[in-house]
Amino acid sequence: MYEGVLQDLIDELARLPGVGPKGAQRIAFYLLAADPIDVRRLADTLVEMKAKATFCKICGNVSQAELCRICSDDRRDLTLICVVEEPKDVVAIERTREFRGRYHVLGGAISPLEGIGPEQLRIRELMGRLSDGTVTEVILATDPNIEGDATAAYLSRFLKDMDLRVTRLASGLPVGGDLEYADEVTLGRAFAGRRNAGD
């Protein structure tokens, strides 16, 4: 335990996701030794981000305007919606340059242990977007884990009576991986999601 403001900073940093007590201590000591101009720039950027960053009123992605750059792009395919858990997932999919539709960010995944049910997610907003019949396919791109699978299963049941194609991203072996190192679930999904060799 350190004294005063240094310990306060360590405690605050440790509350951030992915930063444990030792990581928080390293960051705090780095900032303590850093040039005051660099620390001020970081502080100003944090304050500015909090003041200017918001969420798109249509899809829930991070934006600095009422609409994010994807929802305001009239070249995107309005008939496709890719449902993701978090804004970071939008960035990951956009990096592939394979998807030209629009997104819907749920704001998490169903996780009873964390007290997150369907009512805490942006499912009502998704249904509103689907109500006019423009969308013909919903791609469920939730994480391939227990919470993501539960969320995808819930949405699949919820959407099954609508005149929509509901698909789920394939999951399986990573490119460049070795079969001997794949776990049973990943290998099982790779078998279930297999396709014709000529495709």
Protein backbone atom coordinates (compact mmCIF):
# COMPACT_ATOMS: atom_id res chain seq x y z
CA MET A 1 0.00 0.00 0.00
CA TYR A 2 1.24 3.42 -0.95
CA GLU A 3 0.31 6.76 0.49
CA GLY A 4 -2.40 9.15 -0.54
CA VAL A 5 -2.96 10.11 -4.14
CA LEU A 6 -0.64 7.46 -5.60
CA GLN A 7 -2.64 4.68 -3.94
CA ASP A 8 -5.86 6.38 -5.07
CA LEU A 9 -4.59 6.31 -8.67
CA ILE A 10 -3.58 2.63 -8.38
CA ASP A 11 -7.02 1.79 -6.99
CA GLU A 12 -8.78 3.65 -9.83
CA LEU A 13 -6.61 2.07 -12.52
CA ALA A 14 -7.19 -1.40 -11.05
CA ARG A 15 -10.93 -0.93 -11.59
CA LEU A 16 -10.38 -0.80 -15.36
CA PRO A 17 -11.10 -4.01 -17.29
CA GLY A 18 -7.98 -6.03 -18.02
CA VAL A 19 -5.84 -4.09 -15.54
CA GLY A 20 -5.02 -5.98 -12.39
CA PRO A 21 -3.32 -4.63 -9.26
CA LYS A 22 0.23 -5.12 -10.61
CA GLY A 23 -0.63 -3.56 -13.98
CA ALA A 24 -2.27 -0.62 -12.20
CA GLN A 25 0.85 -0.15 -10.09
CA ARG A 26 3.10 -0.19 -13.20
CA ILE A 27 0.92 2.39 -14.96
CA ALA A 28 0.78 4.61 -11.88
CA PHE A 29 4.58 4.60 -11.49
CA TYR A 30 5.00 5.24 -15.21
CA LEU A 31 2.70 8.27 -14.94
CA LEU A 32 4.52 9.45 -11.80
CA ALA A 33 7.83 9.47 -13.70
CA ALA A 34 6.38 10.80 -16.99
CA ASP A 35 6.73 14.36 -18.25
CA PRO A 36 3.88 16.51 -16.85
CA ILE A 37 2.97 17.55 -20.42
CA ASP A 38 2.35 13.90 -21.38
CA VAL A 39 0.24 13.31 -18.28
CA ARG A 40 -1.77 16.50 -18.97
CA ARG A 41 -2.36 15.38 -22.59
CA LEU A 42 -3.65 12.01 -21.34
CA ALA A 43 -5.91 13.70 -18.78
CA ASP A 44 -7.24 16.18 -21.37
CA THR A 45 -7.92 13.35 -23.84
CA LEU A 46 -9.87 11.41 -21.20
CA VAL A 47 -11.99 14.45 -20.34
CA GLU A 48 -12.56 15.27 -24.02
CA MET A 49 -13.52 11.68 -24.83
CA LYS A 50 -16.05 11.66 -22.01
CA ALA A 51 -17.52 14.96 -23.19
CA LYS A 52 -17.66 14.20 -26.93
CA ALA A 53 -18.02 10.44 -27.40
CA THR A 54 -21.54 9.06 -27.44
CA PHE A 55 -23.45 6.15 -28.94
CA CYS A 56 -25.15 6.12 -32.33
CA LYS A 57 -28.90 6.53 -31.93
CA ILE A 58 -29.54 3.82 -34.55
CA CYS A 59 -27.03 1.02 -33.97
CA GLY A 60 -25.43 1.76 -30.58
CA ASN A 61 -21.88 1.99 -31.96
CA VAL A 62 -19.49 4.60 -30.57
CA SER A 63 -19.81 7.94 -32.34
CA GLN A 64 -19.05 11.63 -32.01
CA ALA A 65 -22.29 12.56 -33.76
CA GLU A 66 -25.92 11.50 -33.58
CA LEU A 67 -25.18 8.80 -36.18
CA CYS A 68 -21.98 6.81 -36.47
CA ARG A 69 -20.02 6.81 -39.74
CA ILE A 70 -21.49 3.43 -40.73
CA CYS A 71 -25.14 4.38 -40.20
CA SER A 72 -24.59 7.66 -42.04
CA ASP A 73 -22.97 5.90 -45.03
CA ASP A 74 -25.69 5.51 -47.69
CA ARG A 75 -23.53 2.98 -49.57
CA ARG A 76 -24.06 0.37 -46.84
CA ASP A 77 -26.56 -2.44 -47.54
CA LEU A 78 -29.74 -1.71 -45.57
CA THR A 79 -31.00 -5.29 -45.95
CA LEU A 80 -28.22 -6.77 -43.74
CA ILE A 81 -27.77 -6.26 -40.02
CA CYS A 82 -24.88 -7.83 -38.13
CA VAL A 83 -25.65 -8.12 -34.41
CA VAL A 84 -22.62 -7.80 -32.14
CA GLU A 85 -22.09 -7.53 -28.40
CA GLU A 86 -19.84 -4.46 -28.14
CA PRO A 87 -18.52 -1.59 -30.30
CA LYS A 88 -15.08 -3.25 -30.37
CA ASP A 89 -16.70 -6.11 -32.31
CA VAL A 90 -17.74 -3.65 -35.04
CA VAL A 91 -14.09 -2.61 -35.42
CA ALA A 92 -12.97 -6.25 -35.66
CA ILE A 93 -15.50 -7.06 -38.39
CA GLU A 94 -14.81 -3.84 -40.30
CA ARG A 95 -11.11 -4.77 -40.45
CA THR A 96 -12.02 -7.83 -42.53
CA ARG A 97 -13.61 -5.64 -45.25
CA GLU A 98 -16.04 -8.52 -45.87
CA PHE A 99 -19.27 -7.01 -44.52
CA ARG A 100 -21.03 -4.08 -46.21
CA GLY A 101 -24.26 -4.01 -44.22
CA ARG A 102 -25.08 -2.23 -40.99
CA TYR A 103 -24.62 -3.22 -37.36
CA HIS A 104 -26.59 -3.47 -34.18
CA VAL A 105 -24.65 -3.32 -30.90
CA LEU A 106 -26.43 -5.13 -28.07
CA GLY A 107 -24.32 -3.64 -25.30
CA GLY A 108 -23.32 -7.01 -23.86
CA ALA A 109 -24.46 -10.62 -23.75
CA ILE A 110 -26.92 -12.58 -21.66
CA SER A 111 -25.14 -13.58 -18.45
CA PRO A 112 -27.34 -14.59 -15.51
CA LEU A 113 -24.30 -14.80 -13.21
CA GLU A 114 -23.63 -11.10 -13.83
CA GLY A 115 -27.33 -10.20 -13.65
CA ILE A 116 -27.58 -9.43 -17.37
CA GLY A 117 -30.78 -10.65 -18.97
CA PRO A 118 -32.36 -9.87 -22.35
CA GLU A 119 -34.04 -6.77 -20.92
CA GLN A 120 -30.62 -5.19 -20.21
CA LEU A 121 -29.58 -5.53 -23.86
CA ARG A 122 -30.65 -3.44 -26.86
CA ILE A 123 -33.02 -6.14 -28.17
CA ARG A 124 -36.10 -3.87 -28.20
CA GLU A 125 -34.19 -1.41 -30.38
CA LEU A 126 -33.23 -4.25 -32.73
CA MET A 127 -36.87 -5.28 -33.09
CA GLY A 128 -37.74 -1.68 -33.91
CA ARG A 129 -35.18 -1.70 -36.72
CA LEU A 130 -36.61 -4.91 -38.14
CA SER A 131 -40.25 -3.84 -38.03
CA ASP A 132 -40.42 -2.06 -41.42
CA GLY A 133 -39.38 -5.12 -43.47
CA THR A 134 -36.26 -3.57 -45.04
CA VAL A 135 -33.88 -6.05 -43.40
CA THR A 136 -33.81 -9.51 -45.00
CA GLU A 137 -30.92 -11.09 -43.06
CA VAL A 138 -29.73 -10.80 -39.47
CA ILE A 139 -26.23 -12.13 -38.83
CA LEU A 140 -25.62 -13.10 -35.21
CA ALA A 141 -21.96 -12.32 -34.52
CA THR A 142 -21.89 -12.75 -30.75
CA ASP A 143 -18.78 -14.18 -29.11
CA PRO A 144 -18.29 -17.96 -29.38
CA ASN A 145 -18.55 -18.54 -25.64
CA ILE A 146 -21.33 -19.55 -23.23
CA GLU A 147 -22.79 -16.04 -22.94
CA GLY A 148 -22.52 -15.31 -26.66
CA ASP A 149 -24.07 -18.66 -27.58
CA ALA A 150 -26.92 -18.09 -25.11
CA THR A 151 -27.53 -14.64 -26.58
CA ALA A 152 -27.51 -15.98 -30.15
CA ALA A 153 -29.88 -18.82 -29.20
CA TYR A 154 -32.26 -16.36 -27.51
CA LEU A 155 -32.23 -14.04 -30.52
CA SER A 156 -32.71 -16.96 -32.93
CA ARG A 157 -35.85 -18.05 -31.07
CA PHE A 158 -37.03 -14.44 -30.85
CA LEU A 159 -36.58 -13.85 -34.60
CA LYS A 160 -37.72 -17.24 -35.95
CA ASP A 161 -41.30 -16.13 -36.70
CA MET A 162 -40.19 -13.09 -38.68
CA ASP A 163 -39.70 -13.24 -42.44
CA LEU A 164 -35.92 -13.08 -42.09
CA ARG A 165 -32.88 -15.17 -42.76
CA VAL A 166 -31.11 -15.52 -39.40
CA THR A 167 -27.50 -16.71 -39.62
CA ARG A 168 -24.66 -17.21 -37.14
CA LEU A 169 -20.99 -16.65 -37.87
CA ALA A 170 -19.12 -19.88 -38.41
CA SER A 171 -16.56 -20.80 -35.80
CA GLY A 172 -13.79 -23.32 -35.83
CA LEU A 173 -10.08 -23.61 -36.40
CA PRO A 174 -7.95 -20.50 -36.77
CA VAL A 175 -5.93 -20.11 -39.95
CA GLY A 176 -2.38 -21.32 -39.33
CA GLY A 177 -3.40 -23.44 -36.35
CA ASP A 178 -2.53 -27.08 -35.70
CA LEU A 179 -5.26 -29.69 -35.07
CA GLU A 180 -3.33 -31.17 -32.15
CA TYR A 181 -3.61 -27.87 -30.23
CA ALA A 182 -7.32 -27.30 -30.87
CA ASP A 183 -9.65 -27.86 -27.93
CA GLU A 184 -12.63 -30.20 -28.29
CA VAL A 185 -15.25 -27.44 -28.58
CA THR A 186 -13.36 -25.61 -31.33
CA LEU A 187 -12.70 -28.81 -33.23
CA GLY A 188 -16.34 -29.87 -32.84
CA ARG A 189 -17.52 -26.53 -34.23
CA ALA A 190 -15.12 -26.85 -37.13
CA PHE A 191 -16.70 -30.21 -38.00
CA ALA A 192 -20.24 -28.89 -37.59
CA GLY A 193 -19.49 -25.86 -39.78
CA ARG A 194 -17.69 -27.76 -42.52
CA ARG A 195 -18.47 -26.96 -46.15
CA ASN A 196 -17.78 -28.38 -49.61
CA ALA A 197 -14.07 -28.34 -50.44
CA GLY A 198 -14.66 -26.52 -53.72
CA ASP A 199 -16.51 -23.58 -52.09
